Amino acid sequence: ELYHPQIFQYLKIWLDVIPKLWTPSSNL
């Protein structure tokens, strides 16, 4: 048995969103 391939697509959702979470500290 192997990990379900769909799991890695969920991982991609997280990896892709990391840069979008950045906001300057002034943006309270």
mmCIF file of all heavy atoms, coordinates in Angstrom:
data_MODEL
# 
_entry.id   MODEL 
# 
loop_
_atom_site.group_PDB 
_atom_site.id 
_atom_site.type_symbol 
_atom_site.label_atom_id 
_atom_site.label_alt_id 
_atom_site.label_comp_id 
_atom_site.label_asym_id 
_atom_site.label_entity_id 
_atom_site.label_seq_id 
_atom_site.pdbx_PDB_ins_code 
_atom_site.Cartn_x 
_atom_site.Cartn_y 
_atom_site.Cartn_z 
_atom_site.occupancy 
_atom_site.B_iso_or_equiv 
_atom_site.pdbx_formal_charge 
_atom_site.auth_seq_id 
_atom_site.auth_comp_id 
_atom_site.auth_asym_id 
_atom_site.auth_atom_id 
_atom_site.pdbx_PDB_model_num 
ATOM 1   N N   . GLU A 1 1  ? 0.836   -1.199 0.000  1.00 0.00 ? 1  GLU A N   1 
ATOM 2   C CA  . GLU A 1 1  ? 0.000   0.000  0.000  1.00 0.00 ? 1  GLU A CA  1 
ATOM 3   C C   . GLU A 1 1  ? 0.869   1.247  0.000  1.00 0.00 ? 1  GLU A C   1 
ATOM 4   O O   . GLU A 1 1  ? 1.998   1.237  0.498  1.00 0.00 ? 1  GLU A O   1 
ATOM 5   C CB  . GLU A 1 1  ? -0.918  0.027  1.226  1.00 0.00 ? 1  GLU A CB  1 
ATOM 6   C CG  . GLU A 1 1  ? -2.002  -1.028 1.201  1.00 0.00 ? 1  GLU A CG  1 
ATOM 7   C CD  . GLU A 1 1  ? -2.976  -0.879 2.354  1.00 0.00 ? 1  GLU A CD  1 
ATOM 8   O OE1 . GLU A 1 1  ? -2.619  -0.237 3.375  1.00 0.00 ? 1  GLU A OE1 1 
ATOM 9   O OE2 . GLU A 1 1  ? -4.095  -1.414 2.251  1.00 0.00 ? 1  GLU A OE2 1 
ATOM 10  N N   . LEU A 1 2  ? 0.297   2.328  -0.550 1.00 0.00 ? 2  LEU A N   1 
ATOM 11  C CA  . LEU A 1 2  ? 0.989   3.612  -0.608 1.00 0.00 ? 2  LEU A CA  1 
ATOM 12  C C   . LEU A 1 2  ? 0.047   4.706  -0.122 1.00 0.00 ? 2  LEU A C   1 
ATOM 13  O O   . LEU A 1 2  ? -1.174  4.514  -0.073 1.00 0.00 ? 2  LEU A O   1 
ATOM 14  C CB  . LEU A 1 2  ? 1.445   3.912  -2.039 1.00 0.00 ? 2  LEU A CB  1 
ATOM 15  C CG  . LEU A 1 2  ? 2.438   2.945  -2.676 1.00 0.00 ? 2  LEU A CG  1 
ATOM 16  C CD1 . LEU A 1 2  ? 2.622   3.275  -4.150 1.00 0.00 ? 2  LEU A CD1 1 
ATOM 17  C CD2 . LEU A 1 2  ? 3.767   2.979  -1.950 1.00 0.00 ? 2  LEU A CD2 1 
ATOM 18  N N   . TYR A 1 3  ? 0.612   5.878  0.194  1.00 0.00 ? 3  TYR A N   1 
ATOM 19  C CA  . TYR A 1 3  ? -0.226  7.017  0.547  1.00 0.00 ? 3  TYR A CA  1 
ATOM 20  C C   . TYR A 1 3  ? -1.153  7.362  -0.620 1.00 0.00 ? 3  TYR A C   1 
ATOM 21  O O   . TYR A 1 3  ? -0.769  7.285  -1.792 1.00 0.00 ? 3  TYR A O   1 
ATOM 22  C CB  . TYR A 1 3  ? 0.625   8.241  0.877  1.00 0.00 ? 3  TYR A CB  1 
ATOM 23  C CG  . TYR A 1 3  ? 1.472   8.105  2.117  1.00 0.00 ? 3  TYR A CG  1 
ATOM 24  C CD1 . TYR A 1 3  ? 2.856   8.237  2.056  1.00 0.00 ? 3  TYR A CD1 1 
ATOM 25  C CD2 . TYR A 1 3  ? 0.892   7.862  3.356  1.00 0.00 ? 3  TYR A CD2 1 
ATOM 26  C CE1 . TYR A 1 3  ? 3.645   8.136  3.192  1.00 0.00 ? 3  TYR A CE1 1 
ATOM 27  C CE2 . TYR A 1 3  ? 1.675   7.757  4.497  1.00 0.00 ? 3  TYR A CE2 1 
ATOM 28  C CZ  . TYR A 1 3  ? 3.045   7.880  4.408  1.00 0.00 ? 3  TYR A CZ  1 
ATOM 29  O OH  . TYR A 1 3  ? 3.822   7.754  5.536  1.00 0.00 ? 3  TYR A OH  1 
ATOM 30  N N   . HIS A 1 4  ? -2.363  7.773  -0.284 1.00 0.00 ? 4  HIS A N   1 
ATOM 31  C CA  . HIS A 1 4  ? -3.328  8.198  -1.300 1.00 0.00 ? 4  HIS A CA  1 
ATOM 32  C C   . HIS A 1 4  ? -2.788  9.433  -2.025 1.00 0.00 ? 4  HIS A C   1 
ATOM 33  O O   . HIS A 1 4  ? -2.393  10.413 -1.371 1.00 0.00 ? 4  HIS A O   1 
ATOM 34  C CB  . HIS A 1 4  ? -4.656  8.525  -0.627 1.00 0.00 ? 4  HIS A CB  1 
ATOM 35  C CG  . HIS A 1 4  ? -5.820  8.592  -1.562 1.00 0.00 ? 4  HIS A CG  1 
ATOM 36  N ND1 . HIS A 1 4  ? -5.883  9.466  -2.628 1.00 0.00 ? 4  HIS A ND1 1 
ATOM 37  C CD2 . HIS A 1 4  ? -6.980  7.874  -1.603 1.00 0.00 ? 4  HIS A CD2 1 
ATOM 38  C CE1 . HIS A 1 4  ? -7.031  9.316  -3.267 1.00 0.00 ? 4  HIS A CE1 1 
ATOM 39  N NE2 . HIS A 1 4  ? -7.705  8.341  -2.670 1.00 0.00 ? 4  HIS A NE2 1 
ATOM 40  N N   . PRO A 1 5  ? -2.744  9.429  -3.350 1.00 0.00 ? 5  PRO A N   1 
ATOM 41  C CA  . PRO A 1 5  ? -2.201  10.601 -4.070 1.00 0.00 ? 5  PRO A CA  1 
ATOM 42  C C   . PRO A 1 5  ? -2.931  11.898 -3.761 1.00 0.00 ? 5  PRO A C   1 
ATOM 43  O O   . PRO A 1 5  ? -2.337  12.979 -3.838 1.00 0.00 ? 5  PRO A O   1 
ATOM 44  C CB  . PRO A 1 5  ? -2.375  10.208 -5.548 1.00 0.00 ? 5  PRO A CB  1 
ATOM 45  C CG  . PRO A 1 5  ? -2.412  8.718  -5.549 1.00 0.00 ? 5  PRO A CG  1 
ATOM 46  C CD  . PRO A 1 5  ? -3.089  8.330  -4.275 1.00 0.00 ? 5  PRO A CD  1 
ATOM 47  N N   . GLN A 1 6  ? -4.219  11.810 -3.401 1.00 0.00 ? 6  GLN A N   1 
ATOM 48  C CA  . GLN A 1 6  ? -4.970  13.031 -3.132 1.00 0.00 ? 6  GLN A CA  1 
ATOM 49  C C   . GLN A 1 6  ? -4.397  13.808 -1.948 1.00 0.00 ? 6  GLN A C   1 
ATOM 50  O O   . GLN A 1 6  ? -4.485  15.038 -1.891 1.00 0.00 ? 6  GLN A O   1 
ATOM 51  C CB  . GLN A 1 6  ? -6.436  12.684 -2.853 1.00 0.00 ? 6  GLN A CB  1 
ATOM 52  C CG  . GLN A 1 6  ? -7.359  13.892 -2.721 1.00 0.00 ? 6  GLN A CG  1 
ATOM 53  C CD  . GLN A 1 6  ? -7.445  14.696 -4.017 1.00 0.00 ? 6  GLN A CD  1 
ATOM 54  O OE1 . GLN A 1 6  ? -7.506  14.122 -5.104 1.00 0.00 ? 6  GLN A OE1 1 
ATOM 55  N NE2 . GLN A 1 6  ? -7.429  16.019 -3.903 1.00 0.00 ? 6  GLN A NE2 1 
ATOM 56  N N   . ILE A 1 7  ? -3.758  13.106 -1.026 1.00 0.00 ? 7  ILE A N   1 
ATOM 57  C CA  . ILE A 1 7  ? -3.157  13.769 0.137  1.00 0.00 ? 7  ILE A CA  1 
ATOM 58  C C   . ILE A 1 7  ? -2.152  14.823 -0.305 1.00 0.00 ? 7  ILE A C   1 
ATOM 59  O O   . ILE A 1 7  ? -2.079  15.917 0.267  1.00 0.00 ? 7  ILE A O   1 
ATOM 60  C CB  . ILE A 1 7  ? -2.481  12.728 1.050  1.00 0.00 ? 7  ILE A CB  1 
ATOM 61  C CG1 . ILE A 1 7  ? -3.538  11.865 1.751  1.00 0.00 ? 7  ILE A CG1 1 
ATOM 62  C CG2 . ILE A 1 7  ? -1.573  13.408 2.070  1.00 0.00 ? 7  ILE A CG2 1 
ATOM 63  C CD1 . ILE A 1 7  ? -2.957  10.733 2.571  1.00 0.00 ? 7  ILE A CD1 1 
ATOM 64  N N   . PHE A 1 8  ? -1.400  14.510 -1.342 1.00 0.00 ? 8  PHE A N   1 
ATOM 65  C CA  . PHE A 1 8  ? -0.356  15.437 -1.783 1.00 0.00 ? 8  PHE A CA  1 
ATOM 66  C C   . PHE A 1 8  ? -0.950  16.671 -2.450 1.00 0.00 ? 8  PHE A C   1 
ATOM 67  O O   . PHE A 1 8  ? -0.332  17.744 -2.430 1.00 0.00 ? 8  PHE A O   1 
ATOM 68  C CB  . PHE A 1 8  ? 0.618   14.705 -2.703 1.00 0.00 ? 8  PHE A CB  1 
ATOM 69  C CG  . PHE A 1 8  ? 1.332   13.577 -2.020 1.00 0.00 ? 8  PHE A CG  1 
ATOM 70  C CD1 . PHE A 1 8  ? 0.830   12.286 -2.079 1.00 0.00 ? 8  PHE A CD1 1 
ATOM 71  C CD2 . PHE A 1 8  ? 2.473   13.799 -1.268 1.00 0.00 ? 8  PHE A CD2 1 
ATOM 72  C CE1 . PHE A 1 8  ? 1.463   11.238 -1.434 1.00 0.00 ? 8  PHE A CE1 1 
ATOM 73  C CE2 . PHE A 1 8  ? 3.108   12.764 -0.598 1.00 0.00 ? 8  PHE A CE2 1 
ATOM 74  C CZ  . PHE A 1 8  ? 2.603   11.477 -0.678 1.00 0.00 ? 8  PHE A CZ  1 
ATOM 75  N N   . GLN A 1 9  ? -2.154  16.542 -3.021 1.00 0.00 ? 9  GLN A N   1 
ATOM 76  C CA  . GLN A 1 9  ? -2.822  17.721 -3.562 1.00 0.00 ? 9  GLN A CA  1 
ATOM 77  C C   . GLN A 1 9  ? -3.273  18.650 -2.435 1.00 0.00 ? 9  GLN A C   1 
ATOM 78  O O   . GLN A 1 9  ? -3.281  19.872 -2.582 1.00 0.00 ? 9  GLN A O   1 
ATOM 79  C CB  . GLN A 1 9  ? -4.011  17.300 -4.429 1.00 0.00 ? 9  GLN A CB  1 
ATOM 80  C CG  . GLN A 1 9  ? -3.610  16.509 -5.669 1.00 0.00 ? 9  GLN A CG  1 
ATOM 81  C CD  . GLN A 1 9  ? -2.534  17.227 -6.476 1.00 0.00 ? 9  GLN A CD  1 
ATOM 82  O OE1 . GLN A 1 9  ? -2.676  18.420 -6.798 1.00 0.00 ? 9  GLN A OE1 1 
ATOM 83  N NE2 . GLN A 1 9  ? -1.474  16.511 -6.822 1.00 0.00 ? 9  GLN A NE2 1 
ATOM 84  N N   . TYR A 1 10 ? -3.654  18.071 -1.306 1.00 0.00 ? 10 TYR A N   1 
ATOM 85  C CA  . TYR A 1 10 ? -3.978  18.882 -0.140 1.00 0.00 ? 10 TYR A CA  1 
ATOM 86  C C   . TYR A 1 10 ? -2.727  19.561 0.406  1.00 0.00 ? 10 TYR A C   1 
ATOM 87  O O   . TYR A 1 10 ? -2.769  20.709 0.854  1.00 0.00 ? 10 TYR A O   1 
ATOM 88  C CB  . TYR A 1 10 ? -4.621  18.009 0.933  1.00 0.00 ? 10 TYR A CB  1 
ATOM 89  C CG  . TYR A 1 10 ? -6.081  17.710 0.693  1.00 0.00 ? 10 TYR A CG  1 
ATOM 90  C CD1 . TYR A 1 10 ? -6.488  16.994 -0.425 1.00 0.00 ? 10 TYR A CD1 1 
ATOM 91  C CD2 . TYR A 1 10 ? -7.042  18.155 1.583  1.00 0.00 ? 10 TYR A CD2 1 
ATOM 92  C CE1 . TYR A 1 10 ? -7.814  16.716 -0.643 1.00 0.00 ? 10 TYR A CE1 1 
ATOM 93  C CE2 . TYR A 1 10 ? -8.384  17.882 1.374  1.00 0.00 ? 10 TYR A CE2 1 
ATOM 94  C CZ  . TYR A 1 10 ? -8.767  17.165 0.243  1.00 0.00 ? 10 TYR A CZ  1 
ATOM 95  O OH  . TYR A 1 10 ? -10.089 16.903 0.024  1.00 0.00 ? 10 TYR A OH  1 
ATOM 96  N N   . LEU A 1 11 ? -1.634  18.856 0.373  1.00 0.00 ? 11 LEU A N   1 
ATOM 97  C CA  . LEU A 1 11 ? -0.364  19.457 0.780  1.00 0.00 ? 11 LEU A CA  1 
ATOM 98  C C   . LEU A 1 11 ? -0.036  20.648 -0.110 1.00 0.00 ? 11 LEU A C   1 
ATOM 99  O O   . LEU A 1 11 ? 0.447   21.683 0.361  1.00 0.00 ? 11 LEU A O   1 
ATOM 100 C CB  . LEU A 1 11 ? 0.753   18.414 0.708  1.00 0.00 ? 11 LEU A CB  1 
ATOM 101 C CG  . LEU A 1 11 ? 2.170   18.892 1.010  1.00 0.00 ? 11 LEU A CG  1 
ATOM 102 C CD1 . LEU A 1 11 ? 2.282   19.465 2.422  1.00 0.00 ? 11 LEU A CD1 1 
ATOM 103 C CD2 . LEU A 1 11 ? 3.175   17.754 0.822  1.00 0.00 ? 11 LEU A CD2 1 
ATOM 104 N N   . LYS A 1 12 ? -0.336  20.526 -1.392 1.00 0.00 ? 12 LYS A N   1 
ATOM 105 C CA  . LYS A 1 12 ? -0.071  21.614 -2.331 1.00 0.00 ? 12 LYS A CA  1 
ATOM 106 C C   . LYS A 1 12 ? -0.898  22.858 -1.986 1.00 0.00 ? 12 LYS A C   1 
ATOM 107 O O   . LYS A 1 12 ? -0.424  23.994 -2.138 1.00 0.00 ? 12 LYS A O   1 
ATOM 108 C CB  . LYS A 1 12 ? -0.372  21.165 -3.755 1.00 0.00 ? 12 LYS A CB  1 
ATOM 109 C CG  . LYS A 1 12 ? 0.024   22.178 -4.832 1.00 0.00 ? 12 LYS A CG  1 
ATOM 110 C CD  . LYS A 1 12 ? -0.221  21.623 -6.222 1.00 0.00 ? 12 LYS A CD  1 
ATOM 111 C CE  . LYS A 1 12 ? 0.390   22.517 -7.289 1.00 0.00 ? 12 LYS A CE  1 
ATOM 112 N NZ  . LYS A 1 12 ? -0.080  23.916 -7.234 1.00 0.00 ? 12 LYS A NZ  1 
ATOM 113 N N   . ILE A 1 13 ? -2.138  22.653 -1.540 1.00 0.00 ? 13 ILE A N   1 
ATOM 114 C CA  . ILE A 1 13 ? -2.963  23.795 -1.137 1.00 0.00 ? 13 ILE A CA  1 
ATOM 115 C C   . ILE A 1 13 ? -2.234  24.614 -0.077 1.00 0.00 ? 13 ILE A C   1 
ATOM 116 O O   . ILE A 1 13 ? -2.152  25.845 -0.148 1.00 0.00 ? 13 ILE A O   1 
ATOM 117 C CB  . ILE A 1 13 ? -4.324  23.306 -0.601 1.00 0.00 ? 13 ILE A CB  1 
ATOM 118 C CG1 . ILE A 1 13 ? -5.159  22.699 -1.727 1.00 0.00 ? 13 ILE A CG1 1 
ATOM 119 C CG2 . ILE A 1 13 ? -5.089  24.460 0.066  1.00 0.00 ? 13 ILE A CG2 1 
ATOM 120 C CD1 . ILE A 1 13 ? -6.460  22.071 -1.258 1.00 0.00 ? 13 ILE A CD1 1 
ATOM 121 N N   . TRP A 1 14 ? -1.671  23.924 0.914  1.00 0.00 ? 14 TRP A N   1 
ATOM 122 C CA  . TRP A 1 14 ? -0.964  24.613 1.983  1.00 0.00 ? 14 TRP A CA  1 
ATOM 123 C C   . TRP A 1 14 ? 0.311   25.277 1.476  1.00 0.00 ? 14 TRP A C   1 
ATOM 124 O O   . TRP A 1 14 ? 0.570   26.461 1.774  1.00 0.00 ? 14 TRP A O   1 
ATOM 125 C CB  . TRP A 1 14 ? -0.648  23.638 3.105  1.00 0.00 ? 14 TRP A CB  1 
ATOM 126 C CG  . TRP A 1 14 ? 0.440   24.075 4.038  1.00 0.00 ? 14 TRP A CG  1 
ATOM 127 C CD1 . TRP A 1 14 ? 1.584   23.415 4.328  1.00 0.00 ? 14 TRP A CD1 1 
ATOM 128 C CD2 . TRP A 1 14 ? 0.481   25.274 4.826  1.00 0.00 ? 14 TRP A CD2 1 
ATOM 129 N NE1 . TRP A 1 14 ? 2.347   24.105 5.231  1.00 0.00 ? 14 TRP A NE1 1 
ATOM 130 C CE2 . TRP A 1 14 ? 1.686   25.263 5.559  1.00 0.00 ? 14 TRP A CE2 1 
ATOM 131 C CE3 . TRP A 1 14 ? -0.389  26.361 4.976  1.00 0.00 ? 14 TRP A CE3 1 
ATOM 132 C CZ2 . TRP A 1 14 ? 2.046   26.288 6.424  1.00 0.00 ? 14 TRP A CZ2 1 
ATOM 133 C CZ3 . TRP A 1 14 ? -0.019  27.396 5.841  1.00 0.00 ? 14 TRP A CZ3 1 
ATOM 134 C CH2 . TRP A 1 14 ? 1.182   27.349 6.550  1.00 0.00 ? 14 TRP A CH2 1 
ATOM 135 N N   . LEU A 1 15 ? 1.102   24.581 0.709  1.00 0.00 ? 15 LEU A N   1 
ATOM 136 C CA  . LEU A 1 15 ? 2.362   25.147 0.229  1.00 0.00 ? 15 LEU A CA  1 
ATOM 137 C C   . LEU A 1 15 ? 2.117   26.364 -0.665 1.00 0.00 ? 15 LEU A C   1 
ATOM 138 O O   . LEU A 1 15 ? 2.880   27.337 -0.630 1.00 0.00 ? 15 LEU A O   1 
ATOM 139 C CB  . LEU A 1 15 ? 3.161   24.078 -0.519 1.00 0.00 ? 15 LEU A CB  1 
ATOM 140 C CG  . LEU A 1 15 ? 3.629   22.884 0.332  1.00 0.00 ? 15 LEU A CG  1 
ATOM 141 C CD1 . LEU A 1 15 ? 4.291   21.835 -0.552 1.00 0.00 ? 15 LEU A CD1 1 
ATOM 142 C CD2 . LEU A 1 15 ? 4.565   23.333 1.429  1.00 0.00 ? 15 LEU A CD2 1 
ATOM 143 N N   . ASP A 1 16 ? 1.055   26.314 -1.457 1.00 0.00 ? 16 ASP A N   1 
ATOM 144 C CA  . ASP A 1 16 ? 0.739   27.444 -2.339 1.00 0.00 ? 16 ASP A CA  1 
ATOM 145 C C   . ASP A 1 16 ? 0.235   28.660 -1.579 1.00 0.00 ? 16 ASP A C   1 
ATOM 146 O O   . ASP A 1 16 ? 0.403   29.802 -2.024 1.00 0.00 ? 16 ASP A O   1 
ATOM 147 C CB  . ASP A 1 16 ? -0.307  27.024 -3.378 1.00 0.00 ? 16 ASP A CB  1 
ATOM 148 C CG  . ASP A 1 16 ? 0.256   26.106 -4.450 1.00 0.00 ? 16 ASP A CG  1 
ATOM 149 O OD1 . ASP A 1 16 ? 1.499   25.960 -4.522 1.00 0.00 ? 16 ASP A OD1 1 
ATOM 150 O OD2 . ASP A 1 16 ? -0.533  25.517 -5.207 1.00 0.00 ? 16 ASP A OD2 1 
ATOM 151 N N   . VAL A 1 17 ? -0.400  28.437 -0.432 1.00 0.00 ? 17 VAL A N   1 
ATOM 152 C CA  . VAL A 1 17 ? -0.986  29.560 0.289  1.00 0.00 ? 17 VAL A CA  1 
ATOM 153 C C   . VAL A 1 17 ? 0.023   30.271 1.190  1.00 0.00 ? 17 VAL A C   1 
ATOM 154 O O   . VAL A 1 17 ? -0.207  31.405 1.612  1.00 0.00 ? 17 VAL A O   1 
ATOM 155 C CB  . VAL A 1 17 ? -2.207  29.091 1.117  1.00 0.00 ? 17 VAL A CB  1 
ATOM 156 C CG1 . VAL A 1 17 ? -1.789  28.520 2.468  1.00 0.00 ? 17 VAL A CG1 1 
ATOM 157 C CG2 . VAL A 1 17 ? -3.205  30.229 1.312  1.00 0.00 ? 17 VAL A CG2 1 
ATOM 158 N N   . ILE A 1 18 ? 1.158   29.637 1.469  1.00 0.00 ? 18 ILE A N   1 
ATOM 159 C CA  . ILE A 1 18 ? 2.133   30.245 2.387  1.00 0.00 ? 18 ILE A CA  1 
ATOM 160 C C   . ILE A 1 18 ? 2.510   31.670 1.981  1.00 0.00 ? 18 ILE A C   1 
ATOM 161 O O   . ILE A 1 18 ? 2.434   32.595 2.814  1.00 0.00 ? 18 ILE A O   1 
ATOM 162 C CB  . ILE A 1 18 ? 3.390   29.350 2.516  1.00 0.00 ? 18 ILE A CB  1 
ATOM 163 C CG1 . ILE A 1 18 ? 3.064   28.115 3.366  1.00 0.00 ? 18 ILE A CG1 1 
ATOM 164 C CG2 . ILE A 1 18 ? 4.547   30.126 3.147  1.00 0.00 ? 18 ILE A CG2 1 
ATOM 165 C CD1 . ILE A 1 18 ? 4.210   27.119 3.477  1.00 0.00 ? 18 ILE A CD1 1 
ATOM 166 N N   . PRO A 1 19 ? 2.909   31.939 0.732  1.00 0.00 ? 19 PRO A N   1 
ATOM 167 C CA  . PRO A 1 19 ? 3.273   33.328 0.387  1.00 0.00 ? 19 PRO A CA  1 
ATOM 168 C C   . PRO A 1 19 ? 2.098   34.296 0.516  1.00 0.00 ? 19 PRO A C   1 
ATOM 169 O O   . PRO A 1 19 ? 2.294   35.478 0.800  1.00 0.00 ? 19 PRO A O   1 
ATOM 170 C CB  . PRO A 1 19 ? 3.729   33.226 -1.075 1.00 0.00 ? 19 PRO A CB  1 
ATOM 171 C CG  . PRO A 1 19 ? 3.993   31.779 -1.316 1.00 0.00 ? 19 PRO A CG  1 
ATOM 172 C CD  . PRO A 1 19 ? 3.098   31.025 -0.416 1.00 0.00 ? 19 PRO A CD  1 
ATOM 173 N N   . LYS A 1 20 ? 0.874   33.806 0.320  1.00 0.00 ? 20 LYS A N   1 
ATOM 174 C CA  . LYS A 1 20 ? -0.305  34.680 0.383  1.00 0.00 ? 20 LYS A CA  1 
ATOM 175 C C   . LYS A 1 20 ? -0.625  35.105 1.807  1.00 0.00 ? 20 LYS A C   1 
ATOM 176 O O   . LYS A 1 20 ? -1.367  36.078 2.015  1.00 0.00 ? 20 LYS A O   1 
ATOM 177 C CB  . LYS A 1 20 ? -1.512  33.966 -0.229 1.00 0.00 ? 20 LYS A CB  1 
ATOM 178 C CG  . LYS A 1 20 ? -1.331  33.577 -1.691 1.00 0.00 ? 20 LYS A CG  1 
ATOM 179 C CD  . LYS A 1 20 ? -2.532  32.807 -2.209 1.00 0.00 ? 20 LYS A CD  1 
ATOM 180 C CE  . LYS A 1 20 ? -2.329  32.342 -3.642 1.00 0.00 ? 20 LYS A CE  1 
ATOM 181 N NZ  . LYS A 1 20 ? -3.476  31.552 -4.134 1.00 0.00 ? 20 LYS A NZ  1 
ATOM 182 N N   . LEU A 1 21 ? -0.097  34.398 2.793  1.00 0.00 ? 21 LEU A N   1 
ATOM 183 C CA  . LEU A 1 21 ? -0.362  34.731 4.186  1.00 0.00 ? 21 LEU A CA  1 
ATOM 184 C C   . LEU A 1 21 ? 0.488   35.904 4.679  1.00 0.00 ? 21 LEU A C   1 
ATOM 185 O O   . LEU A 1 21 ? 0.237   36.442 5.747  1.00 0.00 ? 21 LEU A O   1 
ATOM 186 C CB  . LEU A 1 21 ? -0.105  33.510 5.075  1.00 0.00 ? 21 LEU A CB  1 
ATOM 187 C CG  . LEU A 1 21 ? -1.069  32.330 4.896  1.00 0.00 ? 21 LEU A CG  1 
ATOM 188 C CD1 . LEU A 1 21 ? -0.613  31.143 5.723  1.00 0.00 ? 21 LEU A CD1 1 
ATOM 189 C CD2 . LEU A 1 21 ? -2.489  32.734 5.276  1.00 0.00 ? 21 LEU A CD2 1 
ATOM 190 N N   . TRP A 1 22 ? 1.501   36.271 3.887  1.00 0.00 ? 22 TRP A N   1 
ATOM 191 C CA  . TRP A 1 22 ? 2.369   37.363 4.321  1.00 0.00 ? 22 TRP A CA  1 
ATOM 192 C C   . TRP A 1 22 ? 1.639   38.699 4.230  1.00 0.00 ? 22 TRP A C   1 
ATOM 193 O O   . TRP A 1 22 ? 1.035   39.043 3.210  1.00 0.00 ? 22 TRP A O   1 
ATOM 194 C CB  . TRP A 1 22 ? 3.626   37.430 3.467  1.00 0.00 ? 22 TRP A CB  1 
ATOM 195 C CG  . TRP A 1 22 ? 4.349   38.751 3.542  1.00 0.00 ? 22 TRP A CG  1 
ATOM 196 C CD1 . TRP A 1 22 ? 4.445   39.698 2.561  1.00 0.00 ? 22 TRP A CD1 1 
ATOM 197 C CD2 . TRP A 1 22 ? 5.061   39.259 4.665  1.00 0.00 ? 22 TRP A CD2 1 
ATOM 198 N NE1 . TRP A 1 22 ? 5.170   40.760 3.000  1.00 0.00 ? 22 TRP A NE1 1 
ATOM 199 C CE2 . TRP A 1 22 ? 5.566   40.525 4.305  1.00 0.00 ? 22 TRP A CE2 1 
ATOM 200 C CE3 . TRP A 1 22 ? 5.315   38.776 5.949  1.00 0.00 ? 22 TRP A CE3 1 
ATOM 201 C CZ2 . TRP A 1 22 ? 6.311   41.304 5.167  1.00 0.00 ? 22 TRP A CZ2 1 
ATOM 202 C CZ3 . TRP A 1 22 ? 6.063   39.545 6.814  1.00 0.00 ? 22 TRP A CZ3 1 
ATOM 203 C CH2 . TRP A 1 22 ? 6.554   40.805 6.425  1.00 0.00 ? 22 TRP A CH2 1 
ATOM 204 N N   . THR A 1 23 ? 1.704   39.458 5.294  1.00 0.00 ? 23 THR A N   1 
ATOM 205 C CA  . THR A 1 23 ? 1.224   40.831 5.295  1.00 0.00 ? 23 THR A CA  1 
ATOM 206 C C   . THR A 1 23 ? 2.193   41.666 6.108  1.00 0.00 ? 23 THR A C   1 
ATOM 207 O O   . THR A 1 23 ? 2.675   41.228 7.153  1.00 0.00 ? 23 THR A O   1 
ATOM 208 C CB  . THR A 1 23 ? -0.177  40.959 5.925  1.00 0.00 ? 23 THR A CB  1 
ATOM 209 O OG1 . THR A 1 23 ? -0.149  40.359 7.213  1.00 0.00 ? 23 THR A OG1 1 
ATOM 210 C CG2 . THR A 1 23 ? -1.234  40.279 5.066  1.00 0.00 ? 23 THR A CG2 1 
ATOM 211 N N   . PRO A 1 24 ? 2.517   42.884 5.674  1.00 0.00 ? 24 PRO A N   1 
ATOM 212 C CA  . PRO A 1 24 ? 3.408   43.729 6.469  1.00 0.00 ? 24 PRO A CA  1 
ATOM 213 C C   . PRO A 1 24 ? 2.833   43.964 7.853  1.00 0.00 ? 24 PRO A C   1 
ATOM 214 O O   . PRO A 1 24 ? 1.622   43.979 8.057  1.00 0.00 ? 24 PRO A O   1 
ATOM 215 C CB  . PRO A 1 24 ? 3.469   45.032 5.655  1.00 0.00 ? 24 PRO A CB  1 
ATOM 216 C CG  . PRO A 1 24 ? 3.099   44.621 4.259  1.00 0.00 ? 24 PRO A CG  1 
ATOM 217 C CD  . PRO A 1 24 ? 2.120   43.496 4.412  1.00 0.00 ? 24 PRO A CD  1 
ATOM 218 N N   . SER A 1 25 ? 3.693   44.148 8.812  1.00 0.00 ? 25 SER A N   1 
ATOM 219 C CA  . SER A 1 25 ? 3.247   44.322 10.200 1.00 0.00 ? 25 SER A CA  1 
ATOM 220 C C   . SER A 1 25 ? 2.367   45.548 10.381 1.00 0.00 ? 25 SER A C   1 
ATOM 221 O O   . SER A 1 25 ? 1.589   45.633 11.336 1.00 0.00 ? 25 SER A O   1 
ATOM 222 C CB  . SER A 1 25 ? 4.456   44.418 11.128 1.00 0.00 ? 25 SER A CB  1 
ATOM 223 O OG  . SER A 1 25 ? 5.283   45.492 10.735 1.00 0.00 ? 25 SER A OG  1 
ATOM 224 N N   . SER A 1 26 ? 2.470   46.488 9.455  1.00 0.00 ? 26 SER A N   1 
ATOM 225 C CA  . SER A 1 26 ? 1.645   47.691 9.556  1.00 0.00 ? 26 SER A CA  1 
ATOM 226 C C   . SER A 1 26 ? 0.181   47.414 9.214  1.00 0.00 ? 26 SER A C   1 
ATOM 227 O O   . SER A 1 26 ? -0.696  48.209 9.534  1.00 0.00 ? 26 SER A O   1 
ATOM 228 C CB  . SER A 1 26 ? 2.186   48.774 8.611  1.00 0.00 ? 26 SER A CB  1 
ATOM 229 O OG  . SER A 1 26 ? 2.193   48.300 7.276  1.00 0.00 ? 26 SER A OG  1 
ATOM 230 N N   . ASN A 1 27 ? -0.071  46.278 8.583  1.00 0.00 ? 27 ASN A N   1 
ATOM 231 C CA  . ASN A 1 27 ? -1.439  45.948 8.171  1.00 0.00 ? 27 ASN A CA  1 
ATOM 232 C C   . ASN A 1 27 ? -2.149  45.259 9.335  1.00 0.00 ? 27 ASN A C   1 
ATOM 233 O O   . ASN A 1 27 ? -2.411  44.060 9.323  1.00 0.00 ? 27 ASN A O   1 
ATOM 234 C CB  . ASN A 1 27 ? -1.406  45.034 6.938  1.00 0.00 ? 27 ASN A CB  1 
ATOM 235 C CG  . ASN A 1 27 ? -2.788  44.911 6.298  1.00 0.00 ? 27 ASN A CG  1 
ATOM 236 O OD1 . ASN A 1 27 ? -3.792  45.281 6.892  1.00 0.00 ? 27 ASN A OD1 1 
ATOM 237 N ND2 . ASN A 1 27 ? -2.803  44.385 5.089  1.00 0.00 ? 27 ASN A ND2 1 
ATOM 238 N N   . LEU A 1 28 ? -2.459  46.016 10.365 1.00 0.00 ? 28 LEU A N   1 
ATOM 239 C CA  . LEU A 1 28 ? -2.984  45.454 11.604 1.00 0.00 ? 28 LEU A CA  1 
ATOM 240 C C   . LEU A 1 28 ? -4.310  44.730 11.425 1.00 0.00 ? 28 LEU A C   1 
ATOM 241 O O   . LEU A 1 28 ? -4.511  43.664 12.015 1.00 0.00 ? 28 LEU A O   1 
ATOM 242 C CB  . LEU A 1 28 ? -3.122  46.556 12.663 1.00 0.00 ? 28 LEU A CB  1 
ATOM 243 C CG  . LEU A 1 28 ? -1.799  47.190 13.117 1.00 0.00 ? 28 LEU A CG  1 
ATOM 244 C CD1 . LEU A 1 28 ? -2.068  48.273 14.151 1.00 0.00 ? 28 LEU A CD1 1 
ATOM 245 C CD2 . LEU A 1 28 ? -0.874  46.126 13.689 1.00 0.00 ? 28 LEU A CD2 1 
# 
